[in-house]
Amino acid sequence: MAQNRAATRKYRETHPEVAEKNKERQRQRRSTPEGRAEHAAYMRQYWRDHPDKAEQSRQRARQRYIDNPDLYADNSLKHKFGIGLKLYDEMLARQGGKCGACGATDAGNNGRRFAIDHDHGCCPGSKTCGKCIRMLLCARCNYVLGRVKDDAGVLRALIVYLETFT
């Protein structure tokens, strides 16, 4: 296997025009929905035909995740919320390391980060444009807001209800 990789690398170094042509063909193939679907089908079949390589690939990916947690957190935040880990950390520092609603210092979700609250009226679902981010919330506050669907009237009614019985 290592010999094949070395031979391929050497060929690409001595024939850069062929290597570039192949890369361009791959880019074009993957730039259309049909090309992406075709490639995905090819890869599914490849992993079925080579389960040992599939397991090795999963183990390498797992190890990369363990070795680089901040990289994965940064990519996840950028994908879902349009902000990176640096901006997240700046927001948390501006909030004094506390929940933006109740002031809790513990995120309350088994050591994970505070939840990023955003206006669901702007961006329904879990992804956001990044412009409608409000604050970082602990798990409890984020859960409550989600259950009442960001309806302040429901929250006010709940407060009256609680004050009546306490």
N, C-alpha and C. Protein backbone atom coordinates (compact mmCIF):
# COMPACT_ATOMS: atom_id res chain seq x y z
N MET A 1 0.84 -1.20 0.00
CA MET A 1 0.00 0.00 0.00
C MET A 1 0.87 1.25 0.00
N ALA A 2 1.87 1.28 0.89
CA ALA A 2 2.75 2.44 0.96
C ALA A 2 3.51 2.62 -0.34
N GLN A 3 3.87 1.49 -0.99
CA GLN A 3 4.58 1.57 -2.27
C GLN A 3 3.70 2.21 -3.33
N ASN A 4 2.41 1.83 -3.33
CA ASN A 4 1.48 2.42 -4.30
C ASN A 4 1.36 3.92 -4.09
N ARG A 5 1.27 4.35 -2.83
CA ARG A 5 1.17 5.78 -2.54
C ARG A 5 2.43 6.51 -3.00
N ALA A 6 3.58 5.90 -2.74
CA ALA A 6 4.84 6.53 -3.13
C ALA A 6 4.93 6.64 -4.65
N ALA A 7 4.52 5.59 -5.33
CA ALA A 7 4.55 5.61 -6.80
C ALA A 7 3.59 6.66 -7.35
N THR A 8 2.40 6.76 -6.75
CA THR A 8 1.42 7.76 -7.19
C THR A 8 1.96 9.16 -6.96
N ARG A 9 2.54 9.38 -5.78
CA ARG A 9 3.10 10.69 -5.45
C ARG A 9 4.21 11.06 -6.45
N LYS A 10 5.07 10.10 -6.74
CA LYS A 10 6.18 10.35 -7.67
C LYS A 10 5.64 10.68 -9.06
N TYR A 11 4.62 9.94 -9.51
CA TYR A 11 4.03 10.19 -10.82
C TYR A 11 3.44 11.60 -10.88
N ARG A 12 2.73 11.97 -9.82
CA ARG A 12 2.12 13.31 -9.80
C ARG A 12 3.18 14.41 -9.81
N GLU A 13 4.29 14.17 -9.14
CA GLU A 13 5.37 15.16 -9.13
C GLU A 13 6.02 15.30 -10.50
N THR A 14 6.16 14.18 -11.21
CA THR A 14 6.81 14.22 -12.53
C THR A 14 5.85 14.59 -13.65
N HIS A 15 4.54 14.49 -13.39
CA HIS A 15 3.53 14.82 -14.40
C HIS A 15 2.49 15.77 -13.79
N PRO A 16 2.87 16.98 -13.43
CA PRO A 16 1.93 17.89 -12.75
C PRO A 16 0.72 18.25 -13.60
N GLU A 17 0.88 18.28 -14.92
CA GLU A 17 -0.25 18.63 -15.79
C GLU A 17 -1.35 17.58 -15.73
N VAL A 18 -0.97 16.31 -15.63
CA VAL A 18 -1.96 15.23 -15.52
C VAL A 18 -2.66 15.31 -14.16
N ALA A 19 -1.88 15.53 -13.12
CA ALA A 19 -2.45 15.64 -11.78
C ALA A 19 -3.44 16.80 -11.71
N GLU A 20 -3.09 17.94 -12.29
CA GLU A 20 -3.97 19.11 -12.27
C GLU A 20 -5.24 18.85 -13.08
N LYS A 21 -5.09 18.17 -14.21
CA LYS A 21 -6.24 17.84 -15.05
C LYS A 21 -7.20 16.92 -14.29
N ASN A 22 -6.66 15.95 -13.56
CA ASN A 22 -7.51 15.05 -12.78
C ASN A 22 -8.22 15.80 -11.65
N LYS A 23 -7.50 16.69 -10.99
CA LYS A 23 -8.12 17.48 -9.92
C LYS A 23 -9.27 18.33 -10.46
N GLU A 24 -9.04 18.96 -11.61
CA GLU A 24 -10.08 19.80 -12.22
C GLU A 24 -11.31 18.96 -12.59
N ARG A 25 -11.07 17.77 -13.13
CA ARG A 25 -12.18 16.89 -13.50
C ARG A 25 -12.98 16.50 -12.26
N GLN A 26 -12.28 16.23 -11.16
CA GLN A 26 -12.97 15.90 -9.91
C GLN A 26 -13.78 17.10 -9.40
N ARG A 27 -13.19 18.29 -9.46
CA ARG A 27 -13.92 19.50 -9.02
C ARG A 27 -15.18 19.71 -9.84
N GLN A 28 -15.08 19.55 -11.15
CA GLN A 28 -16.26 19.73 -12.01
C GLN A 28 -17.31 18.68 -11.72
N ARG A 29 -16.88 17.44 -11.54
CA ARG A 29 -17.82 16.36 -11.28
C ARG A 29 -18.58 16.62 -9.99
N ARG A 30 -17.91 17.16 -8.99
CA ARG A 30 -18.55 17.37 -7.69
C ARG A 30 -19.26 18.71 -7.59
N SER A 31 -19.23 19.52 -8.64
CA SER A 31 -19.86 20.84 -8.58
C SER A 31 -21.34 20.80 -8.93
N THR A 32 -21.84 19.67 -9.42
CA THR A 32 -23.26 19.55 -9.75
C THR A 32 -23.92 18.57 -8.79
N PRO A 33 -25.21 18.72 -8.55
CA PRO A 33 -25.90 17.77 -7.68
C PRO A 33 -25.78 16.32 -8.18
N GLU A 34 -25.85 16.15 -9.50
CA GLU A 34 -25.74 14.80 -10.06
C GLU A 34 -24.36 14.23 -9.82
N GLY A 35 -23.35 15.07 -10.00
CA GLY A 35 -21.97 14.63 -9.78
C GLY A 35 -21.72 14.26 -8.33
N ARG A 36 -22.27 15.07 -7.41
CA ARG A 36 -22.11 14.78 -5.98
C ARG A 36 -22.82 13.48 -5.62
N ALA A 37 -24.02 13.29 -6.16
CA ALA A 37 -24.77 12.05 -5.88
C ALA A 37 -24.02 10.84 -6.43
N GLU A 38 -23.48 10.98 -7.62
CA GLU A 38 -22.72 9.89 -8.23
C GLU A 38 -21.48 9.55 -7.39
N HIS A 39 -20.79 10.58 -6.93
CA HIS A 39 -19.61 10.36 -6.11
C HIS A 39 -19.99 9.72 -4.77
N ALA A 40 -21.08 10.17 -4.17
CA ALA A 40 -21.54 9.61 -2.90
C ALA A 40 -21.88 8.13 -3.06
N ALA A 41 -22.55 7.79 -4.16
CA ALA A 41 -22.89 6.38 -4.42
C ALA A 41 -21.62 5.55 -4.60
N TYR A 42 -20.66 6.10 -5.33
CA TYR A 42 -19.39 5.41 -5.54
C TYR A 42 -18.71 5.15 -4.19
N MET A 43 -18.68 6.18 -3.32
CA MET A 43 -18.00 6.03 -2.03
C MET A 43 -18.73 5.04 -1.13
N ARG A 44 -20.06 5.04 -1.15
CA ARG A 44 -20.81 4.05 -0.35
C ARG A 44 -20.43 2.64 -0.77
N GLN A 45 -20.37 2.42 -2.07
CA GLN A 45 -20.02 1.10 -2.58
C GLN A 45 -18.57 0.76 -2.22
N TYR A 46 -17.69 1.75 -2.32
CA TYR A 46 -16.28 1.52 -1.99
C TYR A 46 -16.14 1.09 -0.53
N TRP A 47 -16.83 1.78 0.39
CA TRP A 47 -16.72 1.43 1.80
C TRP A 47 -17.34 0.07 2.08
N ARG A 48 -18.40 -0.31 1.34
CA ARG A 48 -18.97 -1.65 1.50
C ARG A 48 -17.99 -2.72 1.03
N ASP A 49 -17.28 -2.44 -0.05
CA ASP A 49 -16.32 -3.38 -0.62
C ASP A 49 -15.03 -3.47 0.19
N HIS A 50 -14.73 -2.43 0.97
CA HIS A 50 -13.48 -2.37 1.74
C HIS A 50 -13.77 -2.02 3.20
N PRO A 51 -14.42 -2.92 3.94
CA PRO A 51 -14.79 -2.59 5.33
C PRO A 51 -13.58 -2.32 6.23
N ASP A 52 -12.45 -2.95 5.95
CA ASP A 52 -11.27 -2.71 6.76
C ASP A 52 -10.78 -1.27 6.59
N LYS A 53 -10.81 -0.77 5.36
CA LYS A 53 -10.40 0.61 5.11
C LYS A 53 -11.41 1.59 5.71
N ALA A 54 -12.68 1.21 5.67
CA ALA A 54 -13.71 2.06 6.26
C ALA A 54 -13.47 2.21 7.76
N GLU A 55 -13.15 1.09 8.43
CA GLU A 55 -12.90 1.14 9.87
C GLU A 55 -11.65 1.96 10.18
N GLN A 56 -10.61 1.80 9.38
CA GLN A 56 -9.39 2.60 9.57
C GLN A 56 -9.69 4.09 9.42
N SER A 57 -10.51 4.42 8.43
CA SER A 57 -10.88 5.82 8.19
C SER A 57 -11.66 6.38 9.38
N ARG A 58 -12.61 5.58 9.91
CA ARG A 58 -13.38 6.02 11.07
C ARG A 58 -12.48 6.24 12.28
N GLN A 59 -11.50 5.34 12.48
CA GLN A 59 -10.59 5.47 13.60
C GLN A 59 -9.73 6.73 13.46
N ARG A 60 -9.25 7.01 12.24
CA ARG A 60 -8.45 8.22 12.03
C ARG A 60 -9.29 9.47 12.29
N ALA A 61 -10.54 9.45 11.83
CA ALA A 61 -11.43 10.60 12.04
C ALA A 61 -11.69 10.80 13.54
N ARG A 62 -11.94 9.70 14.26
CA ARG A 62 -12.15 9.78 15.70
C ARG A 62 -10.94 10.39 16.40
N GLN A 63 -9.76 9.93 15.99
CA GLN A 63 -8.53 10.43 16.61
C GLN A 63 -8.32 11.92 16.30
N ARG A 64 -8.62 12.33 15.06
CA ARG A 64 -8.52 13.76 14.71
C ARG A 64 -9.45 14.59 15.59
N TYR A 65 -10.65 14.07 15.83
CA TYR A 65 -11.62 14.77 16.67
C TYR A 65 -11.09 14.90 18.10
N ILE A 66 -10.51 13.82 18.63
CA ILE A 66 -9.96 13.84 19.99
C ILE A 66 -8.78 14.79 20.07
N ASP A 67 -7.93 14.78 19.04
CA ASP A 67 -6.72 15.62 19.05
C ASP A 67 -7.00 17.10 18.81
N ASN A 68 -8.12 17.42 18.15
CA ASN A 68 -8.40 18.81 17.75
C ASN A 68 -9.83 19.23 18.11
N PRO A 69 -10.22 19.19 19.38
CA PRO A 69 -11.61 19.52 19.71
C PRO A 69 -12.00 20.95 19.34
N ASP A 70 -11.07 21.89 19.48
CA ASP A 70 -11.39 23.28 19.15
C ASP A 70 -11.63 23.47 17.67
N LEU A 71 -10.89 22.74 16.84
CA LEU A 71 -11.09 22.83 15.39
C LEU A 71 -12.50 22.37 15.03
N TYR A 72 -12.93 21.27 15.61
CA TYR A 72 -14.27 20.76 15.31
C TYR A 72 -15.34 21.68 15.88
N ALA A 73 -15.11 22.25 17.06
CA ALA A 73 -16.06 23.20 17.64
C ALA A 73 -16.17 24.43 16.75
N ASP A 74 -15.03 24.92 16.26
CA ASP A 74 -15.00 26.08 15.39
C ASP A 74 -15.79 25.81 14.10
N ASN A 75 -15.56 24.66 13.49
CA ASN A 75 -16.27 24.32 12.25
C ASN A 75 -17.77 24.16 12.49
N SER A 76 -18.13 23.54 13.61
CA SER A 76 -19.54 23.35 13.93
C SER A 76 -20.25 24.69 14.15
N LEU A 77 -19.61 25.58 14.90
CA LEU A 77 -20.20 26.91 15.14
C LEU A 77 -20.35 27.69 13.84
N LYS A 78 -19.35 27.62 12.97
CA LYS A 78 -19.43 28.33 11.70
C LYS A 78 -20.55 27.77 10.84
N HIS A 79 -20.70 26.45 10.83
CA HIS A 79 -21.73 25.81 10.01
C HIS A 79 -23.14 26.13 10.49
N LYS A 80 -23.35 26.02 11.81
CA LYS A 80 -24.70 26.20 12.34
C LYS A 80 -25.09 27.65 12.59
N PHE A 81 -24.11 28.48 13.02
CA PHE A 81 -24.46 29.81 13.48
C PHE A 81 -23.75 30.94 12.74
N GLY A 82 -22.82 30.60 11.87
CA GLY A 82 -22.12 31.63 11.11
C GLY A 82 -21.08 32.39 11.92
N ILE A 83 -20.71 31.85 13.08
CA ILE A 83 -19.66 32.48 13.90
C ILE A 83 -18.61 31.42 14.23
N GLY A 84 -17.40 31.84 14.47
CA GLY A 84 -16.36 30.90 14.85
C GLY A 84 -16.19 30.82 16.36
N LEU A 85 -15.28 29.98 16.77
CA LEU A 85 -15.01 29.80 18.20
C LEU A 85 -14.49 31.08 18.83
N LYS A 86 -13.73 31.86 18.07
CA LYS A 86 -13.18 33.11 18.60
C LYS A 86 -14.32 34.09 18.97
N LEU A 87 -15.29 34.25 18.09
CA LEU A 87 -16.41 35.14 18.37
C LEU A 87 -17.26 34.59 19.52
N TYR A 88 -17.43 33.27 19.55
CA TYR A 88 -18.17 32.65 20.65
C TYR A 88 -17.50 32.99 21.98
N ASP A 89 -16.17 32.80 22.03
CA ASP A 89 -15.43 33.09 23.26
C ASP A 89 -15.53 34.56 23.64
N GLU A 90 -15.53 35.46 22.64
CA GLU A 90 -15.69 36.89 22.91
C GLU A 90 -17.07 37.18 23.50
N MET A 91 -18.10 36.54 22.95
CA MET A 91 -19.47 36.72 23.48
C MET A 91 -19.53 36.24 24.93
N LEU A 92 -18.94 35.08 25.19
CA LEU A 92 -18.97 34.53 26.54
C LEU A 92 -18.24 35.45 27.52
N ALA A 93 -17.13 36.03 27.07
CA ALA A 93 -16.38 36.96 27.92
C ALA A 93 -17.20 38.22 28.19
N ARG A 94 -17.91 38.74 27.17
CA ARG A 94 -18.76 39.93 27.36
C ARG A 94 -19.87 39.64 28.36
N GLN A 95 -20.33 38.39 28.39
CA GLN A 95 -21.38 38.00 29.33
C GLN A 95 -20.80 37.60 30.69
N GLY A 96 -19.51 37.74 30.86
CA GLY A 96 -18.88 37.41 32.13
C GLY A 96 -18.83 35.91 32.40
N GLY A 97 -18.89 35.09 31.34
CA GLY A 97 -18.86 33.64 31.51
C GLY A 97 -20.14 33.08 32.08
N LYS A 98 -21.24 33.84 31.93
CA LYS A 98 -22.52 33.45 32.52
C LYS A 98 -23.61 33.37 31.47
N CYS A 99 -24.69 32.69 31.84
CA CYS A 99 -25.88 32.62 30.99
C CYS A 99 -26.44 34.03 30.83
N GLY A 100 -26.82 34.38 29.61
CA GLY A 100 -27.34 35.71 29.32
C GLY A 100 -28.70 35.97 29.94
N ALA A 101 -29.42 34.93 30.37
CA ALA A 101 -30.75 35.12 30.95
C ALA A 101 -30.74 35.02 32.47
N CYS A 102 -30.23 33.91 33.01
CA CYS A 102 -30.33 33.69 34.45
C CYS A 102 -29.03 33.94 35.21
N GLY A 103 -27.93 34.07 34.50
CA GLY A 103 -26.66 34.35 35.15
C GLY A 103 -25.92 33.12 35.65
N ALA A 104 -26.39 31.92 35.31
CA ALA A 104 -25.72 30.70 35.74
C ALA A 104 -24.32 30.62 35.12
N THR A 105 -23.37 30.14 35.91
CA THR A 105 -22.00 30.01 35.39
C THR A 105 -21.76 28.64 34.77
N ASP A 106 -22.66 27.70 35.03
CA ASP A 106 -22.55 26.35 34.46
C ASP A 106 -23.50 26.24 33.27
N ALA A 107 -22.98 25.77 32.15
CA ALA A 107 -23.82 25.64 30.96
C ALA A 107 -24.93 24.62 31.17
N GLY A 108 -24.73 23.69 32.10
CA GLY A 108 -25.79 22.77 32.48
C GLY A 108 -26.07 21.66 31.50
N ASN A 109 -25.14 21.37 30.63
CA ASN A 109 -25.37 20.27 29.69
C ASN A 109 -24.13 19.38 29.58
N ASN A 110 -23.76 18.83 30.73
CA ASN A 110 -22.67 17.86 30.82
C ASN A 110 -21.34 18.37 30.27
N GLY A 111 -20.96 19.56 30.66
CA GLY A 111 -19.66 20.08 30.27
C GLY A 111 -19.57 20.67 28.88
N ARG A 112 -20.67 20.67 28.16
CA ARG A 112 -20.63 21.26 26.82
C ARG A 112 -20.75 22.77 26.94
N ARG A 113 -20.73 23.43 25.82
CA ARG A 113 -20.77 24.90 25.80
C ARG A 113 -22.18 25.44 26.04
N PHE A 114 -22.24 26.74 26.33
CA PHE A 114 -23.53 27.42 26.43
C PHE A 114 -24.19 27.39 25.05
N ALA A 115 -25.51 27.36 25.05
CA ALA A 115 -26.26 27.35 23.79
C ALA A 115 -26.28 28.75 23.18
N ILE A 116 -26.26 28.81 21.87
CA ILE A 116 -26.34 30.10 21.18
C ILE A 116 -27.80 30.36 20.86
N ASP A 117 -28.37 31.38 21.50
CA ASP A 117 -29.77 31.72 21.27
C ASP A 117 -29.87 32.67 20.09
N HIS A 118 -30.79 32.37 19.19
CA HIS A 118 -31.02 33.26 18.05
C HIS A 118 -32.51 33.42 17.83
N ASP A 119 -32.87 34.46 17.10
CA ASP A 119 -34.26 34.79 16.82
C ASP A 119 -34.81 33.80 15.80
N HIS A 120 -35.70 32.91 16.25
CA HIS A 120 -36.27 31.91 15.35
C HIS A 120 -37.24 32.51 14.35
N GLY A 121 -37.66 33.74 14.60
CA GLY A 121 -38.50 34.44 13.62
C GLY A 121 -37.70 34.78 12.37
N CYS A 122 -36.42 35.04 12.56
CA CYS A 122 -35.53 35.35 11.44
C CYS A 122 -35.10 34.07 10.74
N CYS A 123 -34.63 33.12 11.54
CA CYS A 123 -34.10 31.86 11.00
C CYS A 123 -34.72 30.69 11.76
N PRO A 124 -35.80 30.12 11.26
CA PRO A 124 -36.40 28.98 11.95
C PRO A 124 -35.46 27.77 11.89
N GLY A 125 -35.54 26.93 12.89
CA GLY A 125 -34.68 25.75 12.91
C GLY A 125 -33.43 25.99 13.73
N SER A 126 -32.46 25.09 13.58
CA SER A 126 -31.26 25.20 14.41
C SER A 126 -30.14 25.98 13.74
N LYS A 127 -30.24 26.23 12.44
CA LYS A 127 -29.22 27.03 11.76
C LYS A 127 -29.64 28.49 11.74
N THR A 128 -28.66 29.38 11.70
CA THR A 128 -28.96 30.80 11.69
C THR A 128 -28.07 31.53 10.70
N CYS A 129 -28.50 32.71 10.32
CA CYS A 129 -27.72 33.54 9.40
C CYS A 129 -26.53 34.18 10.10
N GLY A 130 -26.55 34.20 11.42
CA GLY A 130 -25.47 34.82 12.19
C GLY A 130 -25.79 36.24 12.60
N LYS A 131 -26.78 36.86 11.97
CA LYS A 131 -27.13 38.25 12.28
C LYS A 131 -28.18 38.34 13.39
N CYS A 132 -28.87 37.23 13.65
CA CYS A 132 -29.97 37.27 14.62
C CYS A 132 -29.61 36.58 15.94
N ILE A 133 -28.31 36.42 16.20
CA ILE A 133 -27.87 35.82 17.45
C ILE A 133 -28.14 36.81 18.59
N ARG A 134 -28.75 36.30 19.67
CA ARG A 134 -29.06 37.18 20.79
C ARG A 134 -27.99 37.05 21.88
N MET A 135 -27.94 35.94 22.57
CA MET A 135 -26.97 35.75 23.66
C MET A 135 -26.67 34.26 23.80
N LEU A 136 -25.76 33.95 24.71
CA LEU A 136 -25.46 32.57 25.07
C LEU A 136 -26.28 32.22 26.29
N LEU A 137 -26.94 31.06 26.25
CA LEU A 137 -27.82 30.65 27.34
C LEU A 137 -27.41 29.30 27.90
N CYS A 138 -27.72 29.08 29.18
CA CYS A 138 -27.51 27.75 29.76
C CYS A 138 -28.57 26.81 29.18
N ALA A 139 -28.37 25.53 29.39
CA ALA A 139 -29.28 24.53 28.82
C ALA A 139 -30.72 24.73 29.30
N ARG A 140 -30.87 25.07 30.58
CA ARG A 140 -32.22 25.22 31.14
C ARG A 140 -32.97 26.39 30.49
N CYS A 141 -32.32 27.55 30.39
CA CYS A 141 -32.97 28.72 29.79
C CYS A 141 -33.25 28.48 28.30
N ASN A 142 -32.32 27.85 27.62
CA ASN A 142 -32.50 27.56 26.20
C ASN A 142 -33.68 26.60 26.00
N TYR A 143 -33.79 25.61 26.88
CA TYR A 143 -34.90 24.65 26.81
C TYR A 143 -36.24 25.35 27.02
N VAL A 144 -36.29 26.20 28.04
CA VAL A 144 -37.55 26.90 28.35
C VAL A 144 -37.96 27.78 27.17
N LEU A 145 -37.02 28.56 26.64
CA LEU A 145 -37.35 29.42 25.49
C LEU A 145 -37.83 28.60 24.30
N GLY A 146 -37.20 27.47 24.09
CA GLY A 146 -37.62 26.61 22.98
C GLY A 146 -39.01 26.05 23.18
N ARG A 147 -39.33 25.65 24.41
CA ARG A 147 -40.65 25.06 24.69
C ARG A 147 -41.77 26.09 24.55
N VAL A 148 -41.51 27.36 24.90
CA VAL A 148 -42.55 28.38 24.79
C VAL A 148 -42.49 29.08 23.44
N LYS A 149 -41.60 28.61 22.58
CA LYS A 149 -41.45 29.16 21.22
C LYS A 149 -41.22 30.67 21.22
N ASP A 150 -40.35 31.12 22.13
CA ASP A 150 -39.95 32.53 22.24
C ASP A 150 -41.13 33.48 22.46
N ASP A 151 -42.20 32.98 23.06
CA ASP A 151 -43.40 33.78 23.29
C ASP A 151 -43.35 34.42 24.68
N ALA A 152 -43.10 35.73 24.75
CA ALA A 152 -43.00 36.43 26.03
C ALA A 152 -44.32 36.40 26.79
N GLY A 153 -45.45 36.36 26.09
CA GLY A 153 -46.77 36.30 26.74
C GLY A 153 -46.92 35.02 27.55
N VAL A 154 -46.47 33.92 27.01
CA VAL A 154 -46.54 32.65 27.73
C VAL A 154 -45.65 32.71 28.97
N LEU A 155 -44.47 33.30 28.83
CA LEU A 155 -43.58 33.42 29.98
C LEU A 155 -44.19 34.30 31.08
N ARG A 156 -44.82 35.41 30.68
CA ARG A 156 -45.46 36.29 31.68
C ARG A 156 -46.59 35.53 32.38
N ALA A 157 -47.37 34.76 31.63
CA ALA A 157 -48.47 33.99 32.23
C ALA A 157 -47.92 32.95 33.19
N LEU A 158 -46.79 32.34 32.86
CA LEU A 158 -46.17 31.37 33.75
C LEU A 158 -45.67 32.03 35.04
N ILE A 159 -45.15 33.25 34.92
CA ILE A 159 -44.68 33.98 36.12
C ILE A 159 -45.87 34.25 37.05
N VAL A 160 -46.97 34.74 36.49
CA VAL A 160 -48.18 35.00 37.29
C VAL A 160 -48.64 33.71 37.95
N TYR A 161 -48.63 32.63 37.21
CA TYR A 161 -49.04 31.34 37.74
C TYR A 161 -48.15 30.93 38.92
N LEU A 162 -46.84 31.02 38.74
CA LEU A 162 -45.91 30.65 39.81
C LEU A 162 -46.08 31.54 41.04
N GLU A 163 -46.23 32.85 40.82
CA GLU A 163 -46.38 33.77 41.95
C GLU A 163 -47.69 33.51 42.71
N THR A 164 -48.69 33.03 42.01
CA THR A 164 -49.96 32.72 42.66
C THR A 164 -49.80 31.55 43.64
N PHE A 165 -48.95 30.59 43.30
CA PHE A 165 -48.84 29.38 44.14
C PHE A 165 -47.56 29.31 44.97
N THR A 166 -46.80 30.38 45.05
CA THR A 166 -45.60 30.34 45.90
C THR A 166 -45.62 31.47 46.91
